[in-house]
Amino acid sequence: MRLLLVRHGQTPSNLHHLLDTAVPGPGLTDLGERQAAALPAALADEDIEAIYVSTLTRTQRTAAPLAAARGLDVIVRDGIRELSAGDLEMLPGDTEQGALYMKTAFAWAAGDTELRMPGGESGAGALARYDAVVAEAADSGARAVAMVSHGAAIRVWTAARAVNVDVPFAAAHPLENTGVVILEGSPADGWKALTWAGAVVAPAGEGGPAGWPVVGDAP
């Protein structure tokens, strides 16, 4: 299956760098609406057969133009919502609290899945709920699926599950609004990232930047 993970369009909370992860969350800014409107053309070459969105309003608003263009109904699943900020909810992402959020999330991708977000979910729970939606899509028989999801969730799940994306790469590459990560594979055979925001992904550990930047990609 070809899996397209699409970050939602810009929200008011993105403008203010807030850790905004609760359901249903805000809608889109005017720019976010324009970003959503541009998705059908941006993904015109993809033979998308199903579109999944999270339970957060911003993903549903982002997916609406694409779904209309393809004549598809969106499938709403809680499992691909943003990583819950717990006690850090609505705190500024460009602060020590924001750094804690991203360090915790990337620790999950590195294998410390029993670690919990302060007042929130564990890595095991977050990855399991995302896995379940991906597995459902794979079991549907669709050859290409778009999932409109969230920045931290996409980066962490991809780093945890794609054989050629490691934590330093995902941490160093914030995903802009309506940025897309394209993977191929299956839950049984594993996943390989083909492109990240339009750039070809090299094998893990080969030429990718290192470091752990944690600011600049609020949920």
N, C-alpha and C. Protein backbone atom coordinates (compact mmCIF):
# COMPACT_ATOMS: atom_id res chain seq x y z
N MET A 1 0.84 -1.20 0.00
CA MET A 1 0.00 0.00 0.00
C MET A 1 0.87 1.25 0.00
N ARG A 2 0.41 2.23 -0.75
CA ARG A 2 1.05 3.54 -0.74
C ARG A 2 0.31 4.39 0.29
N LEU A 3 1.04 4.92 1.25
CA LEU A 3 0.44 5.65 2.38
C LEU A 3 0.93 7.08 2.36
N LEU A 4 0.00 8.02 2.23
CA LEU A 4 0.33 9.44 2.23
C LEU A 4 -0.13 10.04 3.56
N LEU A 5 0.83 10.47 4.36
CA LEU A 5 0.52 11.12 5.63
C LEU A 5 0.63 12.62 5.42
N VAL A 6 -0.49 13.31 5.56
CA VAL A 6 -0.59 14.73 5.25
C VAL A 6 -0.84 15.52 6.53
N ARG A 7 0.01 16.48 6.81
CA ARG A 7 -0.26 17.35 7.95
C ARG A 7 -1.39 18.32 7.58
N HIS A 8 -2.22 18.63 8.54
CA HIS A 8 -3.34 19.55 8.34
C HIS A 8 -2.87 20.96 7.97
N GLY A 9 -3.79 21.79 7.50
CA GLY A 9 -3.50 23.18 7.21
C GLY A 9 -3.29 24.02 8.46
N GLN A 10 -2.83 25.23 8.25
CA GLN A 10 -2.49 26.11 9.37
C GLN A 10 -3.72 26.43 10.24
N THR A 11 -3.50 26.47 11.56
CA THR A 11 -4.54 26.82 12.52
C THR A 11 -4.12 28.06 13.31
N PRO A 12 -5.06 28.71 14.00
CA PRO A 12 -4.67 29.84 14.87
C PRO A 12 -3.65 29.44 15.92
N SER A 13 -3.74 28.23 16.44
CA SER A 13 -2.78 27.78 17.44
C SER A 13 -1.38 27.63 16.86
N ASN A 14 -1.29 27.25 15.58
CA ASN A 14 0.02 27.19 14.93
C ASN A 14 0.67 28.57 14.91
N LEU A 15 -0.13 29.59 14.64
CA LEU A 15 0.40 30.96 14.58
C LEU A 15 1.00 31.39 15.91
N HIS A 16 0.40 30.89 17.00
CA HIS A 16 0.85 31.28 18.34
C HIS A 16 1.73 30.21 18.99
N HIS A 17 2.10 29.18 18.23
CA HIS A 17 3.01 28.13 18.70
C HIS A 17 2.51 27.45 19.98
N LEU A 18 1.22 27.11 19.99
CA LEU A 18 0.63 26.49 21.16
C LEU A 18 0.52 24.98 21.00
N LEU A 19 0.69 24.26 22.10
CA LEU A 19 0.52 22.81 22.12
C LEU A 19 -0.98 22.51 22.23
N ASP A 20 -1.65 22.53 21.10
CA ASP A 20 -3.10 22.41 21.03
C ASP A 20 -3.44 21.05 20.47
N THR A 21 -3.76 20.08 21.35
CA THR A 21 -3.97 18.70 20.90
C THR A 21 -5.34 18.13 21.24
N ALA A 22 -6.17 18.87 21.97
CA ALA A 22 -7.45 18.34 22.43
C ALA A 22 -8.48 18.32 21.31
N VAL A 23 -9.42 17.40 21.43
CA VAL A 23 -10.53 17.28 20.47
C VAL A 23 -11.66 18.21 20.90
N PRO A 24 -12.32 18.96 20.00
CA PRO A 24 -12.15 18.93 18.54
C PRO A 24 -11.09 19.89 18.02
N GLY A 25 -10.64 20.83 18.83
CA GLY A 25 -9.61 21.76 18.40
C GLY A 25 -10.12 22.82 17.44
N PRO A 26 -9.24 23.74 17.06
CA PRO A 26 -9.65 24.85 16.20
C PRO A 26 -9.80 24.44 14.74
N GLY A 27 -10.40 25.35 13.97
CA GLY A 27 -10.44 25.18 12.53
C GLY A 27 -9.18 25.72 11.89
N LEU A 28 -9.28 26.16 10.66
CA LEU A 28 -8.12 26.64 9.91
C LEU A 28 -8.13 28.16 9.80
N THR A 29 -6.95 28.73 9.65
CA THR A 29 -6.84 30.14 9.31
C THR A 29 -7.19 30.31 7.83
N ASP A 30 -7.23 31.56 7.37
CA ASP A 30 -7.46 31.80 5.95
C ASP A 30 -6.37 31.13 5.12
N LEU A 31 -5.12 31.21 5.60
CA LEU A 31 -4.03 30.54 4.89
C LEU A 31 -4.25 29.04 4.91
N GLY A 32 -4.68 28.50 6.04
CA GLY A 32 -4.94 27.07 6.14
C GLY A 32 -6.00 26.61 5.16
N GLU A 33 -7.03 27.43 4.96
CA GLU A 33 -8.07 27.09 3.98
C GLU A 33 -7.49 27.08 2.57
N ARG A 34 -6.60 28.02 2.28
CA ARG A 34 -5.98 28.05 0.95
C ARG A 34 -5.06 26.85 0.77
N GLN A 35 -4.36 26.46 1.83
CA GLN A 35 -3.51 25.28 1.75
C GLN A 35 -4.35 24.03 1.47
N ALA A 36 -5.50 23.93 2.14
CA ALA A 36 -6.40 22.80 1.91
C ALA A 36 -6.91 22.80 0.47
N ALA A 37 -7.25 23.97 -0.03
CA ALA A 37 -7.77 24.08 -1.39
C ALA A 37 -6.73 23.68 -2.44
N ALA A 38 -5.46 23.81 -2.08
CA ALA A 38 -4.37 23.47 -3.01
C ALA A 38 -4.04 21.99 -3.01
N LEU A 39 -4.54 21.23 -2.04
CA LEU A 39 -4.18 19.81 -1.95
C LEU A 39 -4.60 18.99 -3.17
N PRO A 40 -5.80 19.16 -3.71
CA PRO A 40 -6.17 18.34 -4.87
C PRO A 40 -5.18 18.45 -6.02
N ALA A 41 -4.71 19.66 -6.30
CA ALA A 41 -3.73 19.83 -7.38
C ALA A 41 -2.38 19.26 -6.98
N ALA A 42 -1.99 19.44 -5.71
CA ALA A 42 -0.70 18.95 -5.26
C ALA A 42 -0.62 17.43 -5.30
N LEU A 43 -1.76 16.77 -5.11
CA LEU A 43 -1.79 15.30 -5.08
C LEU A 43 -2.46 14.72 -6.33
N ALA A 44 -2.50 15.50 -7.39
CA ALA A 44 -3.21 15.09 -8.60
C ALA A 44 -2.67 13.80 -9.20
N ASP A 45 -1.38 13.53 -9.02
CA ASP A 45 -0.78 12.34 -9.61
C ASP A 45 -0.93 11.09 -8.75
N GLU A 46 -1.55 11.23 -7.59
CA GLU A 46 -1.71 10.10 -6.68
C GLU A 46 -3.09 9.46 -6.87
N ASP A 47 -3.11 8.14 -7.04
CA ASP A 47 -4.38 7.41 -7.23
C ASP A 47 -5.00 7.05 -5.88
N ILE A 48 -5.40 8.07 -5.16
CA ILE A 48 -5.91 7.88 -3.80
C ILE A 48 -7.28 7.22 -3.83
N GLU A 49 -7.43 6.14 -3.07
CA GLU A 49 -8.68 5.38 -3.04
C GLU A 49 -9.44 5.55 -1.73
N ALA A 50 -8.80 6.09 -0.71
CA ALA A 50 -9.47 6.31 0.58
C ALA A 50 -8.80 7.47 1.28
N ILE A 51 -9.60 8.22 2.04
CA ILE A 51 -9.09 9.38 2.78
C ILE A 51 -9.52 9.25 4.24
N TYR A 52 -8.54 9.20 5.12
CA TYR A 52 -8.80 9.14 6.55
C TYR A 52 -8.47 10.49 7.18
N VAL A 53 -9.21 10.85 8.21
CA VAL A 53 -8.93 12.07 8.97
C VAL A 53 -9.05 11.74 10.45
N SER A 54 -8.51 12.63 11.28
CA SER A 54 -8.62 12.43 12.73
C SER A 54 -9.92 13.05 13.23
N THR A 55 -10.12 12.95 14.53
CA THR A 55 -11.32 13.53 15.15
C THR A 55 -11.17 15.03 15.40
N LEU A 56 -10.05 15.62 15.01
CA LEU A 56 -9.85 17.05 15.18
C LEU A 56 -10.33 17.81 13.94
N THR A 57 -11.02 18.90 14.18
CA THR A 57 -11.66 19.67 13.12
C THR A 57 -10.70 20.04 12.01
N ARG A 58 -9.48 20.39 12.36
CA ARG A 58 -8.54 20.89 11.35
C ARG A 58 -8.20 19.87 10.27
N THR A 59 -8.18 18.60 10.63
CA THR A 59 -7.90 17.59 9.61
C THR A 59 -9.09 17.42 8.67
N GLN A 60 -10.28 17.51 9.22
CA GLN A 60 -11.48 17.34 8.41
C GLN A 60 -11.64 18.51 7.44
N ARG A 61 -11.34 19.72 7.90
CA ARG A 61 -11.40 20.90 7.03
C ARG A 61 -10.33 20.81 5.93
N THR A 62 -9.18 20.30 6.31
CA THR A 62 -8.09 20.17 5.34
C THR A 62 -8.42 19.15 4.26
N ALA A 63 -9.04 18.06 4.65
CA ALA A 63 -9.33 16.98 3.70
C ALA A 63 -10.52 17.26 2.80
N ALA A 64 -11.38 18.19 3.19
CA ALA A 64 -12.65 18.38 2.47
C ALA A 64 -12.47 18.66 0.97
N PRO A 65 -11.57 19.57 0.56
CA PRO A 65 -11.43 19.79 -0.88
C PRO A 65 -10.91 18.57 -1.63
N LEU A 66 -9.99 17.83 -1.03
CA LEU A 66 -9.46 16.63 -1.67
C LEU A 66 -10.55 15.57 -1.80
N ALA A 67 -11.34 15.39 -0.75
CA ALA A 67 -12.41 14.40 -0.80
C ALA A 67 -13.44 14.78 -1.86
N ALA A 68 -13.77 16.07 -1.95
CA ALA A 68 -14.74 16.51 -2.95
C ALA A 68 -14.21 16.28 -4.37
N ALA A 69 -12.93 16.57 -4.56
CA ALA A 69 -12.33 16.41 -5.89
C ALA A 69 -12.29 14.96 -6.32
N ARG A 70 -12.13 14.04 -5.36
CA ARG A 70 -12.03 12.61 -5.69
C ARG A 70 -13.37 11.87 -5.58
N GLY A 71 -14.39 12.56 -5.09
CA GLY A 71 -15.67 11.90 -4.90
C GLY A 71 -15.64 10.85 -3.81
N LEU A 72 -14.85 11.08 -2.77
CA LEU A 72 -14.70 10.13 -1.68
C LEU A 72 -15.27 10.69 -0.38
N ASP A 73 -15.82 9.81 0.44
CA ASP A 73 -16.20 10.20 1.80
C ASP A 73 -14.98 10.08 2.70
N VAL A 74 -14.83 11.00 3.65
CA VAL A 74 -13.71 10.88 4.59
C VAL A 74 -14.09 9.87 5.67
N ILE A 75 -13.08 9.17 6.14
CA ILE A 75 -13.24 8.18 7.21
C ILE A 75 -12.60 8.78 8.46
N VAL A 76 -13.39 9.01 9.49
CA VAL A 76 -12.92 9.67 10.71
C VAL A 76 -12.47 8.62 11.72
N ARG A 77 -11.23 8.74 12.16
CA ARG A 77 -10.68 7.80 13.14
C ARG A 77 -9.89 8.55 14.20
N ASP A 78 -10.19 8.27 15.46
CA ASP A 78 -9.50 8.93 16.57
C ASP A 78 -8.03 8.54 16.64
N GLY A 79 -7.69 7.38 16.13
CA GLY A 79 -6.33 6.86 16.29
C GLY A 79 -5.25 7.70 15.65
N ILE A 80 -5.60 8.52 14.64
CA ILE A 80 -4.56 9.32 13.99
C ILE A 80 -4.60 10.79 14.44
N ARG A 81 -5.23 11.03 15.60
CA ARG A 81 -5.20 12.40 16.15
C ARG A 81 -3.78 12.71 16.65
N GLU A 82 -3.59 13.98 17.03
CA GLU A 82 -2.28 14.42 17.49
C GLU A 82 -1.90 13.72 18.81
N LEU A 83 -0.60 13.63 19.06
CA LEU A 83 -0.10 13.09 20.33
C LEU A 83 -0.56 14.01 21.45
N SER A 84 -1.27 13.46 22.41
CA SER A 84 -1.86 14.27 23.47
C SER A 84 -0.79 14.97 24.31
N ALA A 85 -0.99 16.28 24.53
CA ALA A 85 -0.04 17.05 25.32
C ALA A 85 -0.26 16.90 26.82
N GLY A 86 -1.37 16.33 27.24
CA GLY A 86 -1.60 16.13 28.67
C GLY A 86 -1.56 17.43 29.45
N ASP A 87 -0.72 17.47 30.48
CA ASP A 87 -0.61 18.66 31.32
C ASP A 87 0.02 19.84 30.59
N LEU A 88 0.60 19.60 29.42
CA LEU A 88 1.24 20.67 28.65
C LEU A 88 0.28 21.32 27.66
N GLU A 89 -0.97 20.89 27.66
CA GLU A 89 -1.95 21.40 26.70
C GLU A 89 -2.06 22.92 26.74
N MET A 90 -1.99 23.54 25.57
CA MET A 90 -2.13 24.97 25.33
C MET A 90 -0.98 25.81 25.89
N LEU A 91 0.12 25.15 26.27
CA LEU A 91 1.32 25.89 26.64
C LEU A 91 2.11 26.22 25.38
N PRO A 92 2.94 27.25 25.42
CA PRO A 92 3.72 27.62 24.22
C PRO A 92 4.69 26.51 23.83
N GLY A 93 4.69 26.18 22.55
CA GLY A 93 5.56 25.12 22.07
C GLY A 93 7.02 25.53 21.96
N ASP A 94 7.28 26.85 21.92
CA ASP A 94 8.66 27.33 21.76
C ASP A 94 9.28 27.67 23.11
N THR A 95 8.98 26.84 24.11
CA THR A 95 9.49 27.02 25.47
C THR A 95 10.03 25.69 25.98
N GLU A 96 10.44 25.68 27.24
CA GLU A 96 10.92 24.45 27.85
C GLU A 96 9.84 23.37 27.84
N GLN A 97 8.57 23.78 28.02
CA GLN A 97 7.47 22.80 27.99
C GLN A 97 7.32 22.19 26.60
N GLY A 98 7.48 23.04 25.58
CA GLY A 98 7.41 22.52 24.21
C GLY A 98 8.54 21.55 23.93
N ALA A 99 9.72 21.88 24.43
CA ALA A 99 10.86 20.98 24.27
C ALA A 99 10.60 19.65 24.95
N LEU A 100 9.97 19.67 26.12
CA LEU A 100 9.64 18.44 26.83
C LEU A 100 8.65 17.59 26.03
N TYR A 101 7.68 18.24 25.43
CA TYR A 101 6.70 17.52 24.60
C TYR A 101 7.40 16.76 23.48
N MET A 102 8.24 17.45 22.71
CA MET A 102 8.88 16.82 21.57
C MET A 102 9.93 15.79 22.00
N LYS A 103 10.68 16.06 23.06
CA LYS A 103 11.66 15.09 23.54
C LYS A 103 10.97 13.81 24.00
N THR A 104 9.83 13.96 24.67
CA THR A 104 9.07 12.78 25.10
C THR A 104 8.58 12.00 23.88
N ALA A 105 8.03 12.71 22.90
CA ALA A 105 7.49 12.05 21.71
C ALA A 105 8.58 11.32 20.94
N PHE A 106 9.74 11.94 20.77
CA PHE A 106 10.81 11.28 20.03
C PHE A 106 11.46 10.16 20.83
N ALA A 107 11.37 10.23 22.16
CA ALA A 107 11.82 9.10 22.97
C ALA A 107 10.96 7.87 22.68
N TRP A 108 9.66 8.10 22.43
CA TRP A 108 8.79 6.99 22.04
C TRP A 108 9.27 6.35 20.75
N ALA A 109 9.58 7.20 19.77
CA ALA A 109 10.04 6.67 18.48
C ALA A 109 11.34 5.91 18.62
N ALA A 110 12.16 6.30 19.60
CA ALA A 110 13.44 5.64 19.83
C ALA A 110 13.30 4.34 20.62
N GLY A 111 12.08 4.04 21.08
CA GLY A 111 11.85 2.77 21.75
C GLY A 111 11.41 2.84 23.20
N ASP A 112 11.43 4.03 23.81
CA ASP A 112 11.03 4.16 25.21
C ASP A 112 9.52 4.38 25.27
N THR A 113 8.77 3.37 24.87
CA THR A 113 7.33 3.53 24.70
C THR A 113 6.53 3.52 26.00
N GLU A 114 7.17 3.13 27.10
CA GLU A 114 6.46 3.15 28.38
C GLU A 114 6.48 4.55 29.00
N LEU A 115 7.32 5.43 28.49
CA LEU A 115 7.37 6.80 28.97
C LEU A 115 6.04 7.48 28.69
N ARG A 116 5.60 8.30 29.66
CA ARG A 116 4.33 9.00 29.50
C ARG A 116 4.55 10.50 29.32
N MET A 117 3.71 11.10 28.49
CA MET A 117 3.64 12.54 28.44
C MET A 117 3.11 13.00 29.80
N PRO A 118 3.63 14.08 30.38
CA PRO A 118 3.11 14.52 31.69
C PRO A 118 1.59 14.68 31.67
N GLY A 119 0.91 13.86 32.48
CA GLY A 119 -0.54 13.92 32.53
C GLY A 119 -1.22 13.37 31.30
N GLY A 120 -0.49 12.66 30.44
CA GLY A 120 -1.05 12.21 29.17
C GLY A 120 -0.77 10.76 28.88
N GLU A 121 -0.77 10.43 27.60
CA GLU A 121 -0.67 9.05 27.16
C GLU A 121 0.77 8.56 27.12
N SER A 122 0.92 7.26 27.00
CA SER A 122 2.23 6.66 26.85
C SER A 122 2.55 6.50 25.37
N GLY A 123 3.82 6.25 25.09
CA GLY A 123 4.21 5.99 23.71
C GLY A 123 3.57 4.73 23.18
N ALA A 124 3.45 3.71 24.03
CA ALA A 124 2.84 2.46 23.59
C ALA A 124 1.41 2.69 23.14
N GLY A 125 0.67 3.48 23.91
CA GLY A 125 -0.71 3.77 23.56
C GLY A 125 -0.83 4.59 22.30
N ALA A 126 0.02 5.62 22.17
CA ALA A 126 -0.05 6.50 21.01
C ALA A 126 0.28 5.75 19.72
N LEU A 127 1.35 4.96 19.75
CA LEU A 127 1.73 4.22 18.54
C LEU A 127 0.72 3.13 18.21
N ALA A 128 0.15 2.50 19.23
CA ALA A 128 -0.82 1.44 18.99
C ALA A 128 -2.08 1.98 18.32
N ARG A 129 -2.54 3.14 18.75
CA ARG A 129 -3.77 3.67 18.14
C ARG A 129 -3.51 4.08 16.68
N TYR A 130 -2.32 4.62 16.40
CA TYR A 130 -1.99 4.99 15.02
C TYR A 130 -1.83 3.73 14.16
N ASP A 131 -1.14 2.74 14.72
CA ASP A 131 -0.98 1.45 14.02
C ASP A 131 -2.32 0.85 13.62
N ALA A 132 -3.29 0.96 14.52
CA ALA A 132 -4.59 0.32 14.27
C ALA A 132 -5.29 0.93 13.06
N VAL A 133 -5.18 2.24 12.90
CA VAL A 133 -5.83 2.88 11.75
C VAL A 133 -5.09 2.53 10.46
N VAL A 134 -3.76 2.51 10.52
CA VAL A 134 -2.98 2.12 9.34
C VAL A 134 -3.31 0.67 8.96
N ALA A 135 -3.43 -0.20 9.94
CA ALA A 135 -3.77 -1.60 9.66
C ALA A 135 -5.16 -1.71 9.05
N GLU A 136 -6.11 -0.93 9.54
CA GLU A 136 -7.45 -0.94 8.97
C GLU A 136 -7.41 -0.53 7.50
N ALA A 137 -6.63 0.51 7.19
CA ALA A 137 -6.52 0.97 5.81
C ALA A 137 -5.89 -0.11 4.93
N ALA A 138 -4.86 -0.75 5.44
CA ALA A 138 -4.19 -1.81 4.67
C ALA A 138 -5.14 -2.98 4.44
N ASP A 139 -5.93 -3.33 5.44
CA ASP A 139 -6.86 -4.44 5.30
C ASP A 139 -8.00 -4.14 4.34
N SER A 140 -8.23 -2.86 4.07
CA SER A 140 -9.33 -2.48 3.18
C SER A 140 -9.06 -2.87 1.73
N GLY A 141 -7.80 -3.09 1.41
CA GLY A 141 -7.44 -3.42 0.03
C GLY A 141 -7.14 -2.22 -0.83
N ALA A 142 -7.27 -1.01 -0.28
CA ALA A 142 -6.95 0.20 -1.04
C ALA A 142 -5.46 0.21 -1.38
N ARG A 143 -5.15 0.60 -2.60
CA ARG A 143 -3.75 0.62 -3.03
C ARG A 143 -3.03 1.91 -2.64
N ALA A 144 -3.78 2.98 -2.46
CA ALA A 144 -3.20 4.26 -2.05
C ALA A 144 -4.18 4.96 -1.12
N VAL A 145 -3.69 5.33 0.05
CA VAL A 145 -4.54 5.93 1.08
C VAL A 145 -3.90 7.22 1.57
N ALA A 146 -4.71 8.26 1.70
CA ALA A 146 -4.25 9.52 2.30
C ALA A 146 -4.82 9.61 3.71
N MET A 147 -3.95 9.94 4.65
CA MET A 147 -4.39 10.18 6.03
C MET A 147 -4.00 11.60 6.40
N VAL A 148 -5.00 12.43 6.64
CA VAL A 148 -4.73 13.80 7.07
C VAL A 148 -4.64 13.78 8.59
N SER A 149 -3.44 14.04 9.08
CA SER A 149 -3.13 13.85 10.49
C SER A 149 -2.39 15.08 11.02
N HIS A 150 -1.41 14.88 11.88
CA HIS A 150 -0.81 15.97 12.64
C HIS A 150 0.71 15.86 12.66
N GLY A 151 1.37 17.02 12.79
CA GLY A 151 2.81 17.08 12.63
C GLY A 151 3.60 16.15 13.53
N ALA A 152 3.40 16.24 14.83
CA ALA A 152 4.18 15.40 15.74
C ALA A 152 3.83 13.93 15.55
N ALA A 153 2.56 13.63 15.39
CA ALA A 153 2.14 12.23 15.23
C ALA A 153 2.75 11.60 13.98
N ILE A 154 2.75 12.35 12.87
CA ILE A 154 3.31 11.82 11.63
C ILE A 154 4.81 11.58 11.78
N ARG A 155 5.52 12.55 12.33
CA ARG A 155 6.97 12.43 12.45
C ARG A 155 7.36 11.28 13.38
N VAL A 156 6.67 11.16 14.50
CA VAL A 156 7.01 10.12 15.48
C VAL A 156 6.63 8.74 14.95
N TRP A 157 5.44 8.59 14.37
CA TRP A 157 5.05 7.28 13.85
C TRP A 157 6.00 6.85 12.73
N THR A 158 6.35 7.77 11.84
CA THR A 158 7.24 7.43 10.73
C THR A 158 8.62 7.03 11.25
N ALA A 159 9.14 7.77 12.23
CA ALA A 159 10.44 7.42 12.79
C ALA A 159 10.41 6.07 13.49
N ALA A 160 9.27 5.73 14.07
CA ALA A 160 9.15 4.45 14.77
C ALA A 160 8.94 3.27 13.82
N ARG A 161 8.33 3.52 12.66
CA ARG A 161 7.89 2.41 11.82
C ARG A 161 8.60 2.30 10.47
N ALA A 162 9.14 3.37 9.94
CA ALA A 162 9.80 3.29 8.64
C ALA A 162 11.25 2.86 8.82
N VAL A 163 11.69 1.89 8.02
CA VAL A 163 13.03 1.33 8.18
C VAL A 163 14.13 2.33 7.83
N ASN A 164 13.79 3.34 7.02
CA ASN A 164 14.82 4.28 6.57
C ASN A 164 14.68 5.68 7.14
N VAL A 165 13.88 5.83 8.21
CA VAL A 165 13.77 7.12 8.89
C VAL A 165 14.12 6.91 10.36
N ASP A 166 15.20 7.56 10.80
CA ASP A 166 15.56 7.45 12.21
C ASP A 166 15.12 8.70 12.97
N VAL A 167 15.27 8.66 14.28
CA VAL A 167 14.83 9.76 15.12
C VAL A 167 15.57 11.06 14.80
N PRO A 168 16.90 11.05 14.64
CA PRO A 168 17.56 12.32 14.31
C PRO A 168 17.02 12.96 13.03
N PHE A 169 16.72 12.14 12.01
CA PHE A 169 16.17 12.71 10.77
C PHE A 169 14.80 13.33 11.02
N ALA A 170 13.91 12.60 11.68
CA ALA A 170 12.56 13.12 11.92
C ALA A 170 12.58 14.34 12.82
N ALA A 171 13.49 14.33 13.81
CA ALA A 171 13.58 15.48 14.71
C ALA A 171 14.11 16.72 14.00
N ALA A 172 14.95 16.51 13.01
CA ALA A 172 15.56 17.63 12.29
C ALA A 172 14.70 18.14 11.14
N HIS A 173 13.58 17.48 10.86
CA HIS A 173 12.76 17.84 9.71
C HIS A 173 11.31 18.11 10.12
N PRO A 174 11.04 19.27 10.70
CA PRO A 174 9.64 19.64 10.95
C PRO A 174 8.83 19.59 9.66
N LEU A 175 7.58 19.21 9.78
CA LEU A 175 6.71 19.08 8.61
C LEU A 175 5.80 20.30 8.56
N GLU A 176 5.90 21.07 7.49
CA GLU A 176 5.07 22.27 7.36
C GLU A 176 3.60 21.89 7.18
N ASN A 177 2.71 22.85 7.38
CA ASN A 177 1.28 22.60 7.17
C ASN A 177 1.03 22.12 5.74
N THR A 178 0.25 21.06 5.63
CA THR A 178 -0.06 20.31 4.41
C THR A 178 1.17 19.67 3.78
N GLY A 179 2.28 19.57 4.53
CA GLY A 179 3.40 18.77 4.08
C GLY A 179 3.01 17.30 4.08
N VAL A 180 3.65 16.52 3.20
CA VAL A 180 3.27 15.12 3.00
C VAL A 180 4.49 14.21 3.16
N VAL A 181 4.31 13.12 3.89
CA VAL A 181 5.27 12.03 3.94
C VAL A 181 4.64 10.84 3.21
N ILE A 182 5.32 10.31 2.21
CA ILE A 182 4.80 9.19 1.43
C ILE A 182 5.60 7.93 1.75
N LEU A 183 4.90 6.87 2.11
CA LEU A 183 5.51 5.59 2.44
C LEU A 183 4.91 4.49 1.59
N GLU A 184 5.64 3.38 1.50
CA GLU A 184 5.10 2.17 0.88
C GLU A 184 5.39 0.99 1.80
N GLY A 185 4.48 0.03 1.79
CA GLY A 185 4.70 -1.16 2.59
C GLY A 185 3.39 -1.70 3.13
N SER A 186 3.50 -2.37 4.27
CA SER A 186 2.33 -2.96 4.92
C SER A 186 2.66 -3.18 6.38
N PRO A 187 1.63 -3.36 7.22
CA PRO A 187 1.91 -3.66 8.63
C PRO A 187 2.72 -4.95 8.80
N ALA A 188 2.51 -5.92 7.92
CA ALA A 188 3.22 -7.19 8.05
C ALA A 188 4.67 -7.10 7.59
N ASP A 189 4.90 -6.39 6.50
CA ASP A 189 6.24 -6.34 5.90
C ASP A 189 7.05 -5.13 6.29
N GLY A 190 6.42 -4.17 6.93
CA GLY A 190 7.12 -2.95 7.33
C GLY A 190 6.93 -1.83 6.31
N TRP A 191 7.50 -0.67 6.63
CA TRP A 191 7.29 0.53 5.85
C TRP A 191 8.61 1.16 5.45
N LYS A 192 8.61 1.74 4.26
CA LYS A 192 9.76 2.51 3.78
C LYS A 192 9.25 3.88 3.35
N ALA A 193 9.87 4.93 3.84
CA ALA A 193 9.50 6.28 3.42
C ALA A 193 10.13 6.58 2.07
N LEU A 194 9.30 7.04 1.14
CA LEU A 194 9.78 7.38 -0.20
C LEU A 194 10.17 8.85 -0.27
N THR A 195 9.28 9.72 0.20
CA THR A 195 9.56 11.16 0.18
C THR A 195 9.09 11.78 1.49
N TRP A 196 9.77 12.86 1.84
CA TRP A 196 9.41 13.65 3.03
C TRP A 196 9.32 15.10 2.57
N ALA A 197 8.10 15.63 2.56
CA ALA A 197 7.88 17.00 2.08
C ALA A 197 8.48 17.21 0.69
N GLY A 198 8.34 16.21 -0.16
CA GLY A 198 8.78 16.32 -1.54
C GLY A 198 10.20 15.89 -1.80
N ALA A 199 11.01 15.70 -0.76
CA ALA A 199 12.41 15.29 -0.92
C ALA A 199 12.53 13.78 -0.74
N VAL A 200 13.37 13.16 -1.56
CA VAL A 200 13.60 11.72 -1.46
C VAL A 200 14.29 11.40 -0.14
N VAL A 201 13.86 10.35 0.52
CA VAL A 201 14.42 9.96 1.81
C VAL A 201 15.54 8.95 1.59
N ALA A 202 16.74 9.25 2.09
CA ALA A 202 17.87 8.33 2.01
C ALA A 202 17.76 7.28 3.11
N PRO A 203 18.49 6.17 2.99
CA PRO A 203 18.49 5.18 4.07
C PRO A 203 18.88 5.80 5.39
N ALA A 204 18.33 5.30 6.48
CA ALA A 204 18.60 5.84 7.80
C ALA A 204 20.09 5.84 8.08
N GLY A 205 20.58 6.95 8.58
CA GLY A 205 21.98 7.06 8.96
C GLY A 205 22.91 7.43 7.84
N GLU A 206 22.39 7.61 6.62
CA GLU A 206 23.26 7.94 5.49
C GLU A 206 23.03 9.38 5.04
N GLY A 207 23.85 10.26 5.53
CA GLY A 207 23.83 11.62 5.04
C GLY A 207 22.75 12.51 5.60
N GLY A 208 21.94 12.01 6.49
CA GLY A 208 20.89 12.85 7.08
C GLY A 208 21.44 13.71 8.19
N PRO A 209 20.84 14.88 8.41
CA PRO A 209 21.31 15.74 9.49
C PRO A 209 21.02 15.12 10.85
N ALA A 210 21.83 15.46 11.81
CA ALA A 210 21.66 14.94 13.16
C ALA A 210 21.12 16.05 14.05
N GLY A 211 20.96 15.76 15.32
CA GLY A 211 20.50 16.77 16.27
C GLY A 211 19.05 16.55 16.64
N TRP A 212 18.63 17.29 17.64
CA TRP A 212 17.29 17.11 18.18
C TRP A 212 16.55 18.44 18.28
N PRO A 213 16.38 19.19 17.20
CA PRO A 213 15.61 20.41 17.30
C PRO A 213 14.18 20.06 17.70
N VAL A 214 13.61 20.80 18.62
CA VAL A 214 12.30 20.45 19.12
C VAL A 214 11.30 21.60 19.01
N VAL A 215 11.69 22.71 18.44
CA VAL A 215 10.84 23.88 18.33
C VAL A 215 10.49 24.11 16.86
N GLY A 216 9.27 24.57 16.58
CA GLY A 216 8.93 24.97 15.24
C GLY A 216 7.89 24.12 14.56
N ASP A 217 7.37 23.10 15.24
CA ASP A 217 6.34 22.27 14.63
C ASP A 217 5.26 21.96 15.66
N ALA A 218 4.61 23.02 16.16
CA ALA A 218 3.54 22.83 17.14
C ALA A 218 2.42 22.02 16.51
N PRO A 219 1.66 21.26 17.30
CA PRO A 219 0.67 20.33 16.75
C PRO A 219 -0.37 20.98 15.85
